[in-house]
Amino acid sequence: MTLPRRTFVRLAASAVAAPAISRFAWAATDPSQPVRILVGFAPGSSADMIARVLGRSLSERTGQEFIVDNWPGIGGNLATGAVVNAAPDGHTLLMSGTSDAISATLYDKLGFDFRRDIAPVAALLRSPNVVLVSPSLPVDTVGDLVALTKADPGKFRMASAGVGSASHLAGEMFKMIAGAEMTHVAYRGGGSNTYTDLITGRADVYFPARASAIDHIRDGKLRALAVAGYEASTWFGIGAPRNTPAGIVARLNREFNAALAEPEIASWIADFGGTVTTGSPADFGALIADETERWANVIKASGTTLS
């Protein structure tokens, strides 16, 4: 999922208007050590952009440096594993998300258990997945789409960002609910090539997060169909190594919630179709549990595997 770059560049390049406050208590003995936010995807990805915008805000709010450290690979699990094995002192955090909830079932041998080994700190935002169709497809509603796919099972091509990605499993969920039959075509990362093929008609349907597709929808290049009785979303949050002291987790939670409440950041999130999801660490833990179960059910029912 990639976010609109114009608003990201403007926000990341400008100082967020917030007074500096004292450094985090746990960093007082080592004020030169930054807090790293590990991101399991490449620079320019949605996770990376969100981490950079919030990291800049927190750096200015707290006087403690927050930096983004990209660890792309294994569907985001390279970064998760690094955080699992980091010291539980609040200096290493994880930009977690839907991919972690999916990986808990999709991967057999990760060497860690996401729900056991990552402490939930703060939920950040959610963006609903949308049913996005090529302009060449003769449909105006979800009912039209379902009827078309049932009339010619397997003919229409369902794009995704890769096997086991959020967009793939959102599509599998839709197929199960609607009884639709489409041929899955996995793209590497679900970036510009995916959208180019949708626009030109080489792919027919895609189930990305609304944040990823918002510019194409607003420009009228692609159509998002309204959906009833179908719920899938892409979410992001902050995690820390297991056994991170509760006081540090609570302080981090307050700071991330405060950053999300800043008008410019809240406006940026709303601009691309996301919804801020602040709350306690326990609230985020409940979201992770619900999402892990949801995607486990989809993976098992659809027979999705990486082999």
C-alpha atoms as a PDB file:
ATOM      1  CA  MET A   1       0.000   0.000   0.000  1.00  0.00           C
ATOM      2  CA  THR A   2       1.468   3.349  -1.012  1.00  0.00           C
ATOM      3  CA  LEU A   3       0.156   6.695   0.118  1.00  0.00           C
ATOM      4  CA  PRO A   4      -0.224  10.003  -1.757  1.00  0.00           C
ATOM      5  CA  ARG A   5       3.273  11.404  -1.984  1.00  0.00           C
ATOM      6  CA  ARG A   6       2.446  15.098  -2.305  1.00  0.00           C
ATOM      7  CA  THR A   7       0.935  15.356   1.154  1.00  0.00           C
ATOM      8  CA  PHE A   8       3.606  13.088   2.615  1.00  0.00           C
ATOM      9  CA  VAL A   9       6.478  15.180   1.276  1.00  0.00           C
ATOM     10  CA  ARG A  10       4.876  18.389   2.500  1.00  0.00           C
ATOM     11  CA  LEU A  11       4.223  17.008   5.960  1.00  0.00           C
ATOM     12  CA  ALA A  12       7.528  15.197   6.409  1.00  0.00           C
ATOM     13  CA  ALA A  13       9.532  18.202   5.245  1.00  0.00           C
ATOM     14  CA  SER A  14       7.824  20.707   7.519  1.00  0.00           C
ATOM     15  CA  ALA A  15       8.176  21.004  11.259  1.00  0.00           C
ATOM     16  CA  VAL A  16       5.159  19.859  13.207  1.00  0.00           C
ATOM     17  CA  ALA A  17       4.102  22.678  15.504  1.00  0.00           C
ATOM     18  CA  ALA A  18       4.473  21.147  18.955  1.00  0.00           C
ATOM     19  CA  PRO A  19       6.524  22.282  21.930  1.00  0.00           C
ATOM     20  CA  ALA A  20       9.527  20.172  22.881  1.00  0.00           C
ATOM     21  CA  ILE A  21       9.209  18.438  26.218  1.00  0.00           C
ATOM     22  CA  SER A  22      11.612  16.495  28.402  1.00  0.00           C
ATOM     23  CA  ARG A  23      13.338  13.422  27.065  1.00  0.00           C
ATOM     24  CA  PHE A  24      11.902  10.000  27.817  1.00  0.00           C
ATOM     25  CA  ALA A  25      12.749   8.961  31.336  1.00  0.00           C
ATOM     26  CA  TRP A  26      14.385   5.688  30.275  1.00  0.00           C
ATOM     27  CA  ALA A  27      16.742   7.522  27.913  1.00  0.00           C
ATOM     28  CA  ALA A  28      18.086   9.887  30.542  1.00  0.00           C
ATOM     29  CA  THR A  29      21.211   7.799  31.066  1.00  0.00           C
ATOM     30  CA  ASP A  30      21.878   7.515  27.334  1.00  0.00           C
ATOM     31  CA  PRO A  31      20.437  10.618  25.657  1.00  0.00           C
ATOM     32  CA  SER A  32      22.418  10.059  22.459  1.00  0.00           C
ATOM     33  CA  GLN A  33      20.751   6.727  21.707  1.00  0.00           C
ATOM     34  CA  PRO A  34      17.841   7.161  19.275  1.00  0.00           C
ATOM     35  CA  VAL A  35      14.594   5.216  19.293  1.00  0.00           C
ATOM     36  CA  ARG A  36      14.479   3.115  16.127  1.00  0.00           C
ATOM     37  CA  ILE A  37      11.195   2.284  14.406  1.00  0.00           C
ATOM     38  CA  LEU A  38      11.824  -0.817  12.302  1.00  0.00           C
ATOM     39  CA  VAL A  39       9.735  -1.020   9.130  1.00  0.00           C
ATOM     40  CA  GLY A  40       9.480  -4.334   7.306  1.00  0.00           C
ATOM     41  CA  PHE A  41       9.006  -2.719   3.898  1.00  0.00           C
ATOM     42  CA  ALA A  42      11.011  -0.511   1.568  1.00  0.00           C
ATOM     43  CA  PRO A  43      11.316   3.284   1.741  1.00  0.00           C
ATOM     44  CA  GLY A  44       8.270   4.898   0.127  1.00  0.00           C
ATOM     45  CA  SER A  45       5.869   2.179   1.286  1.00  0.00           C
ATOM     46  CA  SER A  46       2.867   3.219   3.337  1.00  0.00           C
ATOM     47  CA  ALA A  47       4.366   1.773   6.520  1.00  0.00           C
ATOM     48  CA  ASP A  48       7.555   3.731   5.887  1.00  0.00           C
ATOM     49  CA  MET A  49       5.718   7.017   5.250  1.00  0.00           C
ATOM     50  CA  ILE A  50       3.574   6.695   8.355  1.00  0.00           C
ATOM     51  CA  ALA A  51       6.606   5.868  10.486  1.00  0.00           C
ATOM     52  CA  ARG A  52       8.552   8.869   9.170  1.00  0.00           C
ATOM     53  CA  VAL A  53       5.744  11.357   9.712  1.00  0.00           C
ATOM     54  CA  LEU A  54       5.077  10.142  13.247  1.00  0.00           C
ATOM     55  CA  GLY A  55       8.775   9.755  14.042  1.00  0.00           C
ATOM     56  CA  ARG A  56       9.401  13.377  13.136  1.00  0.00           C
ATOM     57  CA  SER A  57       6.520  14.494  15.323  1.00  0.00           C
ATOM     58  CA  LEU A  58       7.701  12.443  18.284  1.00  0.00           C
ATOM     59  CA  SER A  59      11.271  13.681  17.913  1.00  0.00           C
ATOM     60  CA  GLU A  60      10.045  17.255  18.184  1.00  0.00           C
ATOM     61  CA  ARG A  61       7.539  16.558  20.937  1.00  0.00           C
ATOM     62  CA  THR A  62       9.901  14.665  23.205  1.00  0.00           C
ATOM     63  CA  GLY A  63      13.422  15.834  22.413  1.00  0.00           C
ATOM     64  CA  GLN A  64      14.332  12.165  21.890  1.00  0.00           C
ATOM     65  CA  GLU A  65      15.383  11.199  18.358  1.00  0.00           C
ATOM     66  CA  PHE A  66      13.064   8.748  16.583  1.00  0.00           C
ATOM     67  CA  ILE A  67      14.465   7.314  13.357  1.00  0.00           C
ATOM     68  CA  VAL A  68      13.082   4.903  10.774  1.00  0.00           C
ATOM     69  CA  ASP A  69      15.092   1.787  10.011  1.00  0.00           C
ATOM     70  CA  ASN A  70      13.918  -0.169   6.943  1.00  0.00           C
ATOM     71  CA  TRP A  71      14.274  -3.971   7.076  1.00  0.00           C
ATOM     72  CA  PRO A  72      12.358  -5.168   3.985  1.00  0.00           C
ATOM     73  CA  GLY A  73      12.018  -8.887   3.421  1.00  0.00           C
ATOM     74  CA  ILE A  74       9.971 -12.034   4.105  1.00  0.00           C
ATOM     75  CA  GLY A  75       6.674 -10.194   3.994  1.00  0.00           C
ATOM     76  CA  GLY A  76       7.713  -7.812   6.764  1.00  0.00           C
ATOM     77  CA  ASN A  77       8.882 -10.615   9.044  1.00  0.00           C
ATOM     78  CA  LEU A  78      12.564  -9.681   8.875  1.00  0.00           C
ATOM     79  CA  ALA A  79      11.827  -6.493  10.820  1.00  0.00           C
ATOM     80  CA  THR A  80       9.489  -8.262  13.228  1.00  0.00           C
ATOM     81  CA  GLY A  81      12.126 -10.864  14.035  1.00  0.00           C
ATOM     82  CA  ALA A  82      14.714  -8.152  14.656  1.00  0.00           C
ATOM     83  CA  VAL A  83      12.425  -6.401  17.134  1.00  0.00           C
ATOM     84  CA  VAL A  84      11.576  -9.693  18.856  1.00  0.00           C
ATOM     85  CA  ASN A  85      15.312 -10.146  19.525  1.00  0.00           C
ATOM     86  CA  ALA A  86      16.018  -6.535  20.520  1.00  0.00           C
ATOM     87  CA  ALA A  87      16.571  -5.347  24.073  1.00  0.00           C
ATOM     88  CA  PRO A  88      13.218  -4.560  25.750  1.00  0.00           C
ATOM     89  CA  ASP A  89      14.242  -1.044  26.740  1.00  0.00           C
ATOM     90  CA  GLY A  90      12.034   1.112  24.513  1.00  0.00           C
ATOM     91  CA  HIS A  91      14.772   1.967  22.031  1.00  0.00           C
ATOM     92  CA  THR A  92      13.588  -0.482  19.325  1.00  0.00           C
ATOM     93  CA  LEU A  93      10.005  -0.434  18.063  1.00  0.00           C
ATOM     94  CA  LEU A  94       8.128  -2.172  15.260  1.00  0.00           C
ATOM     95  CA  MET A  95       5.810  -0.635  12.695  1.00  0.00           C
ATOM     96  CA  SER A  96       3.413  -3.547  12.754  1.00  0.00           C
ATOM     97  CA  GLY A  97       0.369  -4.133  10.619  1.00  0.00           C
ATOM     98  CA  THR A  98      -1.991  -6.474   8.827  1.00  0.00           C
ATOM     99  CA  SER A  99       0.955  -8.412   7.392  1.00  0.00           C
ATOM    100  CA  ASP A 100       1.932  -9.554  10.905  1.00  0.00           C
ATOM    101  CA  ALA A 101      -1.572 -10.860  11.621  1.00  0.00           C
ATOM    102  CA  ILE A 102      -1.521 -12.727   8.309  1.00  0.00           C
ATOM    103  CA  SER A 103       1.997 -14.112   8.775  1.00  0.00           C
ATOM    104  CA  ALA A 104       1.045 -15.729  12.078  1.00  0.00           C
ATOM    105  CA  THR A 105      -0.879 -18.352  10.071  1.00  0.00           C
ATOM    106  CA  LEU A 106       0.679 -18.120   6.610  1.00  0.00           C
ATOM    107  CA  TYR A 107       4.263 -18.914   7.690  1.00  0.00           C
ATOM    108  CA  ASP A 108       5.066 -22.218   9.397  1.00  0.00           C
ATOM    109  CA  LYS A 109       8.540 -21.509  10.773  1.00  0.00           C
ATOM    110  CA  LEU A 110       9.152 -17.869  11.639  1.00  0.00           C
ATOM    111  CA  GLY A 111      11.106 -18.524  14.833  1.00  0.00           C
ATOM    112  CA  PHE A 112       8.777 -16.271  16.815  1.00  0.00           C
ATOM    113  CA  ASP A 113       5.121 -15.859  17.699  1.00  0.00           C
ATOM    114  CA  PHE A 114       3.931 -12.338  16.905  1.00  0.00           C
ATOM    115  CA  ARG A 115       1.195 -12.233  19.552  1.00  0.00           C
ATOM    116  CA  ARG A 116       3.476 -13.711  22.224  1.00  0.00           C
ATOM    117  CA  ASP A 117       6.751 -11.964  21.415  1.00  0.00           C
ATOM    118  CA  ILE A 118       5.659  -8.435  20.449  1.00  0.00           C
ATOM    119  CA  ALA A 119       4.098  -6.191  23.083  1.00  0.00           C
ATOM    120  CA  PRO A 120       1.301  -4.012  21.671  1.00  0.00           C
ATOM    121  CA  VAL A 121       2.015  -0.307  22.200  1.00  0.00           C
ATOM    122  CA  ALA A 122      -0.414   1.755  20.135  1.00  0.00           C
ATOM    123  CA  ALA A 123      -2.804   1.337  17.236  1.00  0.00           C
ATOM    124  CA  LEU A 124      -2.273   4.048  14.627  1.00  0.00           C
ATOM    125  CA  LEU A 125      -4.765   3.885  11.776  1.00  0.00           C
ATOM    126  CA  ARG A 126      -6.963   1.707   9.610  1.00  0.00           C
ATOM    127  CA  SER A 127      -7.920   1.971   5.959  1.00  0.00           C
ATOM    128  CA  PRO A 128     -10.745  -0.180   4.547  1.00  0.00           C
ATOM    129  CA  ASN A 129     -10.007  -2.401   1.589  1.00  0.00           C
ATOM    130  CA  VAL A 130     -12.094  -1.509  -1.457  1.00  0.00           C
ATOM    131  CA  VAL A 131     -13.407  -3.420  -4.459  1.00  0.00           C
ATOM    132  CA  LEU A 132     -11.583  -1.662  -7.278  1.00  0.00           C
ATOM    133  CA  VAL A 133     -12.413  -2.451 -10.899  1.00  0.00           C
ATOM    134  CA  SER A 134     -10.950  -1.649 -14.278  1.00  0.00           C
ATOM    135  CA  PRO A 135     -12.832   0.992 -16.321  1.00  0.00           C
ATOM    136  CA  SER A 136     -13.146  -1.609 -19.079  1.00  0.00           C
ATOM    137  CA  LEU A 137     -15.211  -3.899 -16.873  1.00  0.00           C
ATOM    138  CA  PRO A 138     -18.955  -3.414 -17.580  1.00  0.00           C
ATOM    139  CA  VAL A 139     -20.071  -3.232 -13.941  1.00  0.00           C
ATOM    140  CA  ASP A 140     -21.436  -0.459 -11.735  1.00  0.00           C
ATOM    141  CA  THR A 141     -22.218  -2.393  -8.559  1.00  0.00           C
ATOM    142  CA  VAL A 142     -20.907  -5.321  -6.570  1.00  0.00           C
ATOM    143  CA  GLY A 143     -23.976  -7.256  -7.707  1.00  0.00           C
ATOM    144  CA  ASP A 144     -22.958  -6.662 -11.325  1.00  0.00           C
ATOM    145  CA  LEU A 145     -19.454  -7.913 -10.563  1.00  0.00           C
ATOM    146  CA  VAL A 146     -20.670 -11.057  -8.838  1.00  0.00           C
ATOM    147  CA  ALA A 147     -23.080 -11.832 -11.673  1.00  0.00           C
ATOM    148  CA  LEU A 148     -20.339 -11.335 -14.259  1.00  0.00           C
ATOM    149  CA  THR A 149     -17.885 -13.639 -12.500  1.00  0.00           C
ATOM    150  CA  LYS A 150     -20.523 -16.305 -11.943  1.00  0.00           C
ATOM    151  CA  ALA A 151     -21.544 -16.203 -15.597  1.00  0.00           C
ATOM    152  CA  ASP A 152     -17.966 -16.886 -16.703  1.00  0.00           C
ATOM    153  CA  PRO A 153     -16.060 -18.463 -13.773  1.00  0.00           C
ATOM    154  CA  GLY A 154     -12.305 -17.953 -13.844  1.00  0.00           C
ATOM    155  CA  LYS A 155     -12.294 -15.564 -16.813  1.00  0.00           C
ATOM    156  CA  PHE A 156     -11.762 -12.381 -14.834  1.00  0.00           C
ATOM    157  CA  ARG A 157      -8.399 -11.576 -13.286  1.00  0.00           C
ATOM    158  CA  MET A 158      -8.089 -10.630  -9.616  1.00  0.00           C
ATOM    159  CA  ALA A 159      -4.863  -8.718  -9.025  1.00  0.00           C
ATOM    160  CA  SER A 160      -3.035  -8.711  -5.703  1.00  0.00           C
ATOM    161  CA  ALA A 161       0.201  -7.483  -4.154  1.00  0.00           C
ATOM    162  CA  GLY A 162       1.379 -11.091  -3.851  1.00  0.00           C
ATOM    163  CA  VAL A 163       0.309 -14.439  -2.445  1.00  0.00           C
ATOM    164  CA  GLY A 164      -0.780 -13.976   1.164  1.00  0.00           C
ATOM    165  CA  SER A 165      -0.809 -10.191   0.953  1.00  0.00           C
ATOM    166  CA  ALA A 166      -3.654  -8.212   2.502  1.00  0.00           C
ATOM    167  CA  SER A 167      -5.086  -7.415  -0.932  1.00  0.00           C
ATOM    168  CA  HIS A 168      -4.961 -11.093  -1.928  1.00  0.00           C
ATOM    169  CA  LEU A 169      -6.737 -12.299   1.208  1.00  0.00           C
ATOM    170  CA  ALA A 170      -9.271  -9.455   1.044  1.00  0.00           C
ATOM    171  CA  GLY A 171     -10.095 -10.761  -2.434  1.00  0.00           C
ATOM    172  CA  GLU A 172     -10.309 -14.336  -1.191  1.00  0.00           C
ATOM    173  CA  MET A 173     -12.682 -13.205   1.559  1.00  0.00           C
ATOM    174  CA  PHE A 174     -14.849 -11.459  -1.029  1.00  0.00           C
ATOM    175  CA  LYS A 175     -14.898 -14.561  -3.231  1.00  0.00           C
ATOM    176  CA  MET A 176     -16.034 -16.719  -0.329  1.00  0.00           C
ATOM    177  CA  ILE A 177     -18.776 -14.331   0.767  1.00  0.00           C
ATOM    178  CA  ALA A 178     -20.067 -13.631  -2.747  1.00  0.00           C
ATOM    179  CA  GLY A 179     -19.486 -17.043  -4.310  1.00  0.00           C
ATOM    180  CA  ALA A 180     -17.490 -15.316  -7.052  1.00  0.00           C
ATOM    181  CA  GLU A 181     -14.874 -17.099  -9.165  1.00  0.00           C
ATOM    182  CA  MET A 182     -11.855 -15.141 -10.401  1.00  0.00           C
ATOM    183  CA  THR A 183      -8.310 -16.046 -11.414  1.00  0.00           C
ATOM    184  CA  HIS A 184      -5.697 -14.724  -9.004  1.00  0.00           C
ATOM    185  CA  VAL A 185      -2.785 -12.822 -10.564  1.00  0.00           C
ATOM    186  CA  ALA A 186      -0.065 -11.916  -8.048  1.00  0.00           C
ATOM    187  CA  TYR A 187       1.987  -8.786  -8.681  1.00  0.00           C
ATOM    188  CA  ARG A 188       5.218  -7.995  -6.890  1.00  0.00           C
ATOM    189  CA  GLY A 189       4.264  -5.552  -4.163  1.00  0.00           C
ATOM    190  CA  GLY A 190       1.048  -4.275  -5.733  1.00  0.00           C
ATOM    191  CA  GLY A 191       2.643  -1.020  -6.885  1.00  0.00           C
ATOM    192  CA  SER A 192       2.379   1.022 -10.059  1.00  0.00           C
ATOM    193  CA  ASN A 193       2.361  -2.007 -12.390  1.00  0.00           C
ATOM    194  CA  THR A 194      -0.789  -3.294 -10.742  1.00  0.00           C
ATOM    195  CA  TYR A 195      -2.614  -0.017 -11.223  1.00  0.00           C
ATOM    196  CA  THR A 196      -1.334   0.353 -14.788  1.00  0.00           C
ATOM    197  CA  ASP A 197      -2.719  -3.075 -15.672  1.00  0.00           C
ATOM    198  CA  LEU A 198      -6.059  -2.272 -14.051  1.00  0.00           C
ATOM    199  CA  ILE A 199      -6.343   1.019 -15.910  1.00  0.00           C
ATOM    200  CA  THR A 200      -5.484  -0.598 -19.242  1.00  0.00           C
ATOM    201  CA  GLY A 201      -7.681  -3.650 -18.680  1.00  0.00           C
ATOM    202  CA  ARG A 202      -4.963  -6.286 -18.344  1.00  0.00           C
ATOM    203  CA  ALA A 203      -6.337  -6.916 -14.846  1.00  0.00           C
ATOM    204  CA  ASP A 204      -9.979  -6.652 -13.829  1.00  0.00           C
ATOM    205  CA  VAL A 205     -10.406  -6.434 -10.055  1.00  0.00           C
ATOM    206  CA  TYR A 206      -8.186  -5.455  -7.126  1.00  0.00           C
ATOM    207  CA  PHE A 207      -8.861  -5.305  -3.368  1.00  0.00           C
ATOM    208  CA  PRO A 208      -6.335  -2.758  -2.018  1.00  0.00           C
ATOM    209  CA  ALA A 209      -6.624  -0.513   1.010  1.00  0.00           C
ATOM    210  CA  ARG A 210      -8.515   2.644   0.125  1.00  0.00           C
ATOM    211  CA  ALA A 211      -5.456   4.693   1.101  1.00  0.00           C
ATOM    212  CA  SER A 212      -3.443   3.008  -1.639  1.00  0.00           C
ATOM    213  CA  ALA A 213      -6.027   3.649  -4.327  1.00  0.00           C
ATOM    214  CA  ILE A 214      -7.404   7.043  -3.312  1.00  0.00           C
ATOM    215  CA  ASP A 215      -5.612   9.100  -6.002  1.00  0.00           C
ATOM    216  CA  HIS A 216      -6.777   6.787  -8.814  1.00  0.00           C
ATOM    217  CA  ILE A 217     -10.332   6.840  -7.472  1.00  0.00           C
ATOM    218  CA  ARG A 218     -10.396  10.633  -7.204  1.00  0.00           C
ATOM    219  CA  ASP A 219      -8.927  11.022 -10.689  1.00  0.00           C
ATOM    220  CA  GLY A 220     -11.665   8.772 -12.082  1.00  0.00           C
ATOM    221  CA  LYS A 221      -9.165   6.329 -13.575  1.00  0.00           C
ATOM    222  CA  LEU A 222     -10.550   3.407 -11.572  1.00  0.00           C
ATOM    223  CA  ARG A 223     -13.914   2.685  -9.948  1.00  0.00           C
ATOM    224  CA  ALA A 224     -14.413   1.635  -6.343  1.00  0.00           C
ATOM    225  CA  LEU A 225     -17.653  -0.288  -5.869  1.00  0.00           C
ATOM    226  CA  ALA A 226     -19.723   0.195  -2.738  1.00  0.00           C
ATOM    227  CA  VAL A 227     -19.858  -2.900  -0.562  1.00  0.00           C
ATOM    228  CA  ALA A 228     -22.364  -4.209   1.993  1.00  0.00           C
ATOM    229  CA  GLY A 229     -21.705  -7.197   4.248  1.00  0.00           C
ATOM    230  CA  TYR A 230     -17.992  -7.255   3.497  1.00  0.00           C
ATOM    231  CA  GLU A 231     -15.372  -5.980   5.907  1.00  0.00           C
ATOM    232  CA  ALA A 232     -11.630  -6.035   5.379  1.00  0.00           C
ATOM    233  CA  SER A 233      -9.143  -3.350   6.307  1.00  0.00           C
ATOM    234  CA  THR A 234      -5.442  -2.641   6.394  1.00  0.00           C
ATOM    235  CA  TRP A 235      -4.134  -1.380   9.734  1.00  0.00           C
ATOM    236  CA  PHE A 236      -0.900  -0.185  11.296  1.00  0.00           C
ATOM    237  CA  GLY A 237       0.348   0.065  14.855  1.00  0.00           C
ATOM    238  CA  ILE A 238       3.448   0.180  17.036  1.00  0.00           C
ATOM    239  CA  GLY A 239       4.875  -2.815  18.858  1.00  0.00           C
ATOM    240  CA  ALA A 240       7.853  -3.387  21.160  1.00  0.00           C
ATOM    241  CA  PRO A 241       9.829  -6.432  22.313  1.00  0.00           C
ATOM    242  CA  ARG A 242       8.119  -8.666  24.841  1.00  0.00           C
ATOM    243  CA  ASN A 243       8.989  -7.737  28.450  1.00  0.00           C
ATOM    244  CA  THR A 244       9.364  -4.042  27.669  1.00  0.00           C
ATOM    245  CA  PRO A 245       8.483  -2.395  31.025  1.00  0.00           C
ATOM    246  CA  ALA A 246       4.854  -1.362  31.336  1.00  0.00           C
ATOM    247  CA  GLY A 247       5.839   2.206  32.185  1.00  0.00           C
ATOM    248  CA  ILE A 248       7.752   2.584  28.930  1.00  0.00           C
ATOM    249  CA  VAL A 249       4.881   1.063  26.924  1.00  0.00           C
ATOM    250  CA  ALA A 250       2.410   3.427  28.588  1.00  0.00           C
ATOM    251  CA  ARG A 251       4.594   6.479  27.902  1.00  0.00           C
ATOM    252  CA  LEU A 252       5.050   5.510  24.280  1.00  0.00           C
ATOM    253  CA  ASN A 253       1.327   4.942  23.925  1.00  0.00           C
ATOM    254  CA  ARG A 254       0.598   8.453  25.218  1.00  0.00           C
ATOM    255  CA  GLU A 255       3.135  10.027  22.871  1.00  0.00           C
ATOM    256  CA  PHE A 256       1.907   8.226  19.764  1.00  0.00           C
ATOM    257  CA  ASN A 257      -1.696   9.079  20.615  1.00  0.00           C
ATOM    258  CA  ALA A 258      -0.696  12.722  21.069  1.00  0.00           C
ATOM    259  CA  ALA A 259       1.050  12.752  17.684  1.00  0.00           C
ATOM    260  CA  LEU A 260      -2.020  11.304  15.988  1.00  0.00           C
ATOM    261  CA  ALA A 261      -4.124  14.072  17.548  1.00  0.00           C
ATOM    262  CA  GLU A 262      -2.057  16.820  15.923  1.00  0.00           C
ATOM    263  CA  PRO A 263      -4.344  18.526  13.372  1.00  0.00           C
ATOM    264  CA  GLU A 264      -1.924  18.298  10.460  1.00  0.00           C
ATOM    265  CA  ILE A 265      -1.235  14.612  10.961  1.00  0.00           C
ATOM    266  CA  ALA A 266      -4.914  13.826  11.494  1.00  0.00           C
ATOM    267  CA  SER A 267      -5.726  15.748   8.305  1.00  0.00           C
ATOM    268  CA  TRP A 268      -3.053  13.872   6.364  1.00  0.00           C
ATOM    269  CA  ILE A 269      -4.441  10.516   7.476  1.00  0.00           C
ATOM    270  CA  ALA A 270      -7.996  11.533   6.584  1.00  0.00           C
ATOM    271  CA  ASP A 271      -6.878  12.872   3.203  1.00  0.00           C
ATOM    272  CA  PHE A 272      -5.962   9.426   1.917  1.00  0.00           C
ATOM    273  CA  GLY A 273      -8.964   7.683   3.417  1.00  0.00           C
ATOM    274  CA  GLY A 274      -7.518   6.393   6.661  1.00  0.00           C
ATOM    275  CA  THR A 275      -9.057   6.512  10.121  1.00  0.00           C
ATOM    276  CA  VAL A 276      -7.063   7.221  13.277  1.00  0.00           C
ATOM    277  CA  THR A 277      -7.391   4.376  15.806  1.00  0.00           C
ATOM    278  CA  THR A 278      -5.958   5.636  19.077  1.00  0.00           C
ATOM    279  CA  GLY A 279      -6.443   3.692  22.279  1.00  0.00           C
ATOM    280  CA  SER A 280      -4.614   1.836  25.016  1.00  0.00           C
ATOM    281  CA  PRO A 281      -2.035  -0.929  24.548  1.00  0.00           C
ATOM    282  CA  ALA A 282      -4.762  -3.368  25.610  1.00  0.00           C
ATOM    283  CA  ASP A 283      -7.056  -2.001  22.894  1.00  0.00           C
ATOM    284  CA  PHE A 284      -4.349  -2.612  20.310  1.00  0.00           C
ATOM    285  CA  GLY A 285      -3.758  -6.105  21.680  1.00  0.00           C
ATOM    286  CA  ALA A 286      -7.445  -6.888  21.226  1.00  0.00           C
ATOM    287  CA  LEU A 287      -7.345  -5.627  17.635  1.00  0.00           C
ATOM    288  CA  ILE A 288      -4.323  -7.846  16.907  1.00  0.00           C
ATOM    289  CA  ALA A 289      -6.087 -10.884  18.373  1.00  0.00           C
ATOM    290  CA  ASP A 290      -9.235 -10.251  16.343  1.00  0.00           C
ATOM    291  CA  GLU A 291      -7.329  -9.657  13.099  1.00  0.00           C
ATOM    292  CA  THR A 292      -5.094 -12.699  13.566  1.00  0.00           C
ATOM    293  CA  GLU A 293      -8.169 -14.903  13.964  1.00  0.00           C
ATOM    294  CA  ARG A 294      -9.956 -13.251  11.030  1.00  0.00           C
ATOM    295  CA  TRP A 295      -7.128 -13.824   8.568  1.00  0.00           C
ATOM    296  CA  ALA A 296      -6.378 -17.311   9.912  1.00  0.00           C
ATOM    297  CA  ASN A 297      -9.928 -18.278   9.007  1.00  0.00           C
ATOM    298  CA  VAL A 298      -9.585 -16.806   5.496  1.00  0.00           C
ATOM    299  CA  ILE A 299      -6.207 -18.467   4.883  1.00  0.00           C
ATOM    300  CA  LYS A 300      -7.472 -21.872   5.970  1.00  0.00           C
ATOM    301  CA  ALA A 301     -10.798 -21.662   4.151  1.00  0.00           C
ATOM    302  CA  SER A 302      -9.211 -20.487   0.894  1.00  0.00           C
ATOM    303  CA  GLY A 303      -6.327 -22.964   1.059  1.00  0.00           C
ATOM    304  CA  THR A 304      -3.782 -20.149   0.606  1.00  0.00           C
ATOM    305  CA  THR A 305      -0.167 -21.321   0.920  1.00  0.00           C
ATOM    306  CA  LEU A 306       3.215 -19.919  -0.035  1.00  0.00           C
ATOM    307  CA  SER A 307       4.254 -23.092  -1.867  1.00  0.00           C
END
